[in-house]
Amino acid sequence: MSANMLTLYILIWPVLSAGVLALLVISLVRDMRKARKSGKDMV
């Protein structure tokens, strides 16, 4: 494995983690808005 491929492999994990975190935050915000509109609590 070349140094460039190893570097790319190591750097892709933070990008994937950030993507998953963004997806979770966006879903949470949508659920909060929907709960607020319907007058329900999140818990």
PDB file of N, CA and C in Angstrom:
ATOM      1  N   MET A   1       0.856  -1.174   0.000  1.00  0.00           N
ATOM      2  CA  MET A   1       0.000   0.000   0.000  1.00  0.00           C
ATOM      3  C   MET A   1       0.903   1.239   0.000  1.00  0.00           C
ATOM      4  N   SER A   2       0.610   2.152  -0.877  1.00  0.00           N
ATOM      5  CA  SER A   2       1.438   3.356  -0.969  1.00  0.00           C
ATOM      6  C   SER A   2       1.092   4.331   0.154  1.00  0.00           C
ATOM      7  N   ALA A   3       1.960   5.278   0.357  1.00  0.00           N
ATOM      8  CA  ALA A   3       1.756   6.260   1.423  1.00  0.00           C
ATOM      9  C   ALA A   3       0.513   7.105   1.162  1.00  0.00           C
ATOM     10  N   ASN A   4       0.258   7.437  -0.105  1.00  0.00           N
ATOM     11  CA  ASN A   4      -0.924   8.249  -0.430  1.00  0.00           C
ATOM     12  C   ASN A   4      -2.209   7.488  -0.135  1.00  0.00           C
ATOM     13  N   MET A   5      -2.240   6.217  -0.451  1.00  0.00           N
ATOM     14  CA  MET A   5      -3.442   5.419  -0.194  1.00  0.00           C
ATOM     15  C   MET A   5      -3.666   5.252   1.312  1.00  0.00           C
ATOM     16  N   LEU A   6      -2.587   5.060   2.047  1.00  0.00           N
ATOM     17  CA  LEU A   6      -2.701   4.934   3.495  1.00  0.00           C
ATOM     18  C   LEU A   6      -3.202   6.234   4.111  1.00  0.00           C
ATOM     19  N   THR A   7      -2.700   7.348   3.648  1.00  0.00           N
ATOM     20  CA  THR A   7      -3.150   8.653   4.130  1.00  0.00           C
ATOM     21  C   THR A   7      -4.633   8.862   3.820  1.00  0.00           C
ATOM     22  N   LEU A   8      -5.053   8.528   2.613  1.00  0.00           N
ATOM     23  CA  LEU A   8      -6.459   8.655   2.233  1.00  0.00           C
ATOM     24  C   LEU A   8      -7.339   7.759   3.092  1.00  0.00           C
ATOM     25  N   TYR A   9      -6.884   6.553   3.354  1.00  0.00           N
ATOM     26  CA  TYR A   9      -7.646   5.616   4.175  1.00  0.00           C
ATOM     27  C   TYR A   9      -7.820   6.155   5.593  1.00  0.00           C
ATOM     28  N   ILE A  10      -6.767   6.740   6.140  1.00  0.00           N
ATOM     29  CA  ILE A  10      -6.831   7.280   7.501  1.00  0.00           C
ATOM     30  C   ILE A  10      -7.715   8.528   7.547  1.00  0.00           C
ATOM     31  N   LEU A  11      -7.649   9.367   6.532  1.00  0.00           N
ATOM     32  CA  LEU A  11      -8.404  10.625   6.543  1.00  0.00           C
ATOM     33  C   LEU A  11      -9.877  10.453   6.186  1.00  0.00           C
ATOM     34  N   ILE A  12     -10.263   9.330   5.614  1.00  0.00           N
ATOM     35  CA  ILE A  12     -11.664   9.154   5.222  1.00  0.00           C
ATOM     36  C   ILE A  12     -12.559   8.929   6.442  1.00  0.00           C
ATOM     37  N   TRP A  13     -12.011   8.387   7.528  1.00  0.00           N
ATOM     38  CA  TRP A  13     -12.839   8.094   8.702  1.00  0.00           C
ATOM     39  C   TRP A  13     -13.412   9.337   9.360  1.00  0.00           C
ATOM     40  N   PRO A  14     -12.660  10.402   9.536  1.00  0.00           N
ATOM     41  CA  PRO A  14     -13.283  11.615  10.090  1.00  0.00           C
ATOM     42  C   PRO A  14     -14.384  12.174   9.180  1.00  0.00           C
ATOM     43  N   VAL A  15     -14.215  12.051   7.886  1.00  0.00           N
ATOM     44  CA  VAL A  15     -15.233  12.534   6.949  1.00  0.00           C
ATOM     45  C   VAL A  15     -16.505  11.707   7.089  1.00  0.00           C
ATOM     46  N   LEU A  16     -16.359  10.393   7.167  1.00  0.00           N
ATOM     47  CA  LEU A  16     -17.532   9.535   7.343  1.00  0.00           C
ATOM     48  C   LEU A  16     -18.206   9.791   8.689  1.00  0.00           C
ATOM     49  N   SER A  17     -17.426   9.972   9.723  1.00  0.00           N
ATOM     50  CA  SER A  17     -17.986  10.253  11.046  1.00  0.00           C
ATOM     51  C   SER A  17     -18.737  11.578  11.050  1.00  0.00           C
ATOM     52  N   ALA A  18     -18.182  12.578  10.414  1.00  0.00           N
ATOM     53  CA  ALA A  18     -18.848  13.880  10.341  1.00  0.00           C
ATOM     54  C   ALA A  18     -20.162  13.768   9.561  1.00  0.00           C
ATOM     55  N   GLY A  19     -20.169  12.964   8.522  1.00  0.00           N
ATOM     56  CA  GLY A  19     -21.392  12.762   7.748  1.00  0.00           C
ATOM     57  C   GLY A  19     -22.482  12.101   8.566  1.00  0.00           C
ATOM     58  N   VAL A  20     -22.124  11.083   9.332  1.00  0.00           N
ATOM     59  CA  VAL A  20     -23.102  10.403  10.182  1.00  0.00           C
ATOM     60  C   VAL A  20     -23.613  11.347  11.271  1.00  0.00           C
ATOM     61  N   LEU A  21     -22.708  12.115  11.861  1.00  0.00           N
ATOM     62  CA  LEU A  21     -23.118  13.079  12.883  1.00  0.00           C
ATOM     63  C   LEU A  21     -24.069  14.123  12.303  1.00  0.00           C
ATOM     64  N   ALA A  22     -23.777  14.608  11.116  1.00  0.00           N
ATOM     65  CA  ALA A  22     -24.653  15.591  10.467  1.00  0.00           C
ATOM     66  C   ALA A  22     -26.026  14.987  10.204  1.00  0.00           C
ATOM     67  N   LEU A  23     -26.069  13.747   9.756  1.00  0.00           N
ATOM     68  CA  LEU A  23     -27.349  13.082   9.500  1.00  0.00           C
ATOM     69  C   LEU A  23     -28.169  12.956  10.783  1.00  0.00           C
ATOM     70  N   LEU A  24     -27.514  12.593  11.872  1.00  0.00           N
ATOM     71  CA  LEU A  24     -28.217  12.468  13.149  1.00  0.00           C
ATOM     72  C   LEU A  24     -28.739  13.820  13.637  1.00  0.00           C
ATOM     73  N   VAL A  25     -27.944  14.862  13.504  1.00  0.00           N
ATOM     74  CA  VAL A  25     -28.363  16.187  13.958  1.00  0.00           C
ATOM     75  C   VAL A  25     -29.526  16.697  13.114  1.00  0.00           C
ATOM     76  N   ILE A  26     -29.456  16.495  11.810  1.00  0.00           N
ATOM     77  CA  ILE A  26     -30.548  16.934  10.928  1.00  0.00           C
ATOM     78  C   ILE A  26     -31.839  16.197  11.268  1.00  0.00           C
ATOM     79  N   SER A  27     -31.741  14.901  11.519  1.00  0.00           N
ATOM     80  CA  SER A  27     -32.930  14.128  11.889  1.00  0.00           C
ATOM     81  C   SER A  27     -33.504  14.595  13.222  1.00  0.00           C
ATOM     82  N   LEU A  28     -32.634  14.904  14.172  1.00  0.00           N
ATOM     83  CA  LEU A  28     -33.089  15.389  15.471  1.00  0.00           C
ATOM     84  C   LEU A  28     -33.807  16.727  15.331  1.00  0.00           C
ATOM     85  N   VAL A  29     -33.256  17.625  14.532  1.00  0.00           N
ATOM     86  CA  VAL A  29     -33.879  18.933  14.336  1.00  0.00           C
ATOM     87  C   VAL A  29     -35.242  18.770  13.669  1.00  0.00           C
ATOM     88  N   ARG A  30     -35.346  17.894  12.685  1.00  0.00           N
ATOM     89  CA  ARG A  30     -36.644  17.664  12.034  1.00  0.00           C
ATOM     90  C   ARG A  30     -37.665  17.118  13.017  1.00  0.00           C
ATOM     91  N   ASP A  31     -37.239  16.163  13.856  1.00  0.00           N
ATOM     92  CA  ASP A  31     -38.156  15.603  14.843  1.00  0.00           C
ATOM     93  C   ASP A  31     -38.585  16.649  15.859  1.00  0.00           C
ATOM     94  N   MET A  32     -37.665  17.516  16.261  1.00  0.00           N
ATOM     95  CA  MET A  32     -38.011  18.575  17.222  1.00  0.00           C
ATOM     96  C   MET A  32     -39.028  19.533  16.621  1.00  0.00           C
ATOM     97  N   ARG A  33     -38.818  19.897  15.355  1.00  0.00           N
ATOM     98  CA  ARG A  33     -39.774  20.803  14.696  1.00  0.00           C
ATOM     99  C   ARG A  33     -41.147  20.155  14.572  1.00  0.00           C
ATOM    100  N   LYS A  34     -41.166  18.878  14.203  1.00  0.00           N
ATOM    101  CA  LYS A  34     -42.446  18.180  14.045  1.00  0.00           C
ATOM    102  C   LYS A  34     -43.161  18.066  15.395  1.00  0.00           C
ATOM    103  N   ALA A  35     -42.426  17.793  16.455  1.00  0.00           N
ATOM    104  CA  ALA A  35     -43.025  17.691  17.787  1.00  0.00           C
ATOM    105  C   ALA A  35     -43.549  19.037  18.241  1.00  0.00           C
ATOM    106  N   ARG A  36     -42.819  20.094  17.942  1.00  0.00           N
ATOM    107  CA  ARG A  36     -43.257  21.437  18.347  1.00  0.00           C
ATOM    108  C   ARG A  36     -44.541  21.821  17.607  1.00  0.00           C
ATOM    109  N   LYS A  37     -44.616  21.480  16.317  1.00  0.00           N
ATOM    110  CA  LYS A  37     -45.823  21.814  15.544  1.00  0.00           C
ATOM    111  C   LYS A  37     -47.045  21.057  16.068  1.00  0.00           C
ATOM    112  N   SER A  38     -46.857  19.795  16.451  1.00  0.00           N
ATOM    113  CA  SER A  38     -47.992  18.994  16.915  1.00  0.00           C
ATOM    114  C   SER A  38     -48.278  19.198  18.397  1.00  0.00           C
ATOM    115  N   GLY A  39     -47.410  19.946  19.103  1.00  0.00           N
ATOM    116  CA  GLY A  39     -47.647  20.237  20.511  1.00  0.00           C
ATOM    117  C   GLY A  39     -47.250  19.107  21.438  1.00  0.00           C
ATOM    118  N   LYS A  40     -46.443  18.179  20.985  1.00  0.00           N
ATOM    119  CA  LYS A  40     -46.019  17.049  21.812  1.00  0.00           C
ATOM    120  C   LYS A  40     -44.612  17.275  22.331  1.00  0.00           C
ATOM    121  N   ASP A  41     -44.294  16.550  23.408  1.00  0.00           N
ATOM    122  CA  ASP A  41     -42.940  16.590  23.955  1.00  0.00           C
ATOM    123  C   ASP A  41     -42.067  15.571  23.219  1.00  0.00           C
ATOM    124  N   MET A  42     -40.772  15.808  23.250  1.00  0.00           N
ATOM    125  CA  MET A  42     -39.844  14.880  22.597  1.00  0.00           C
ATOM    126  C   MET A  42     -39.687  13.589  23.394  1.00  0.00           C
ATOM    127  N   VAL A  43     -39.842  13.685  24.713  1.00  0.00           N
ATOM    128  CA  VAL A  43     -39.628  12.493  25.546  1.00  0.00           C
ATOM    129  C   VAL A  43     -40.946  11.787  25.768  1.00  0.00           C
TER     130      VAL A  43
END
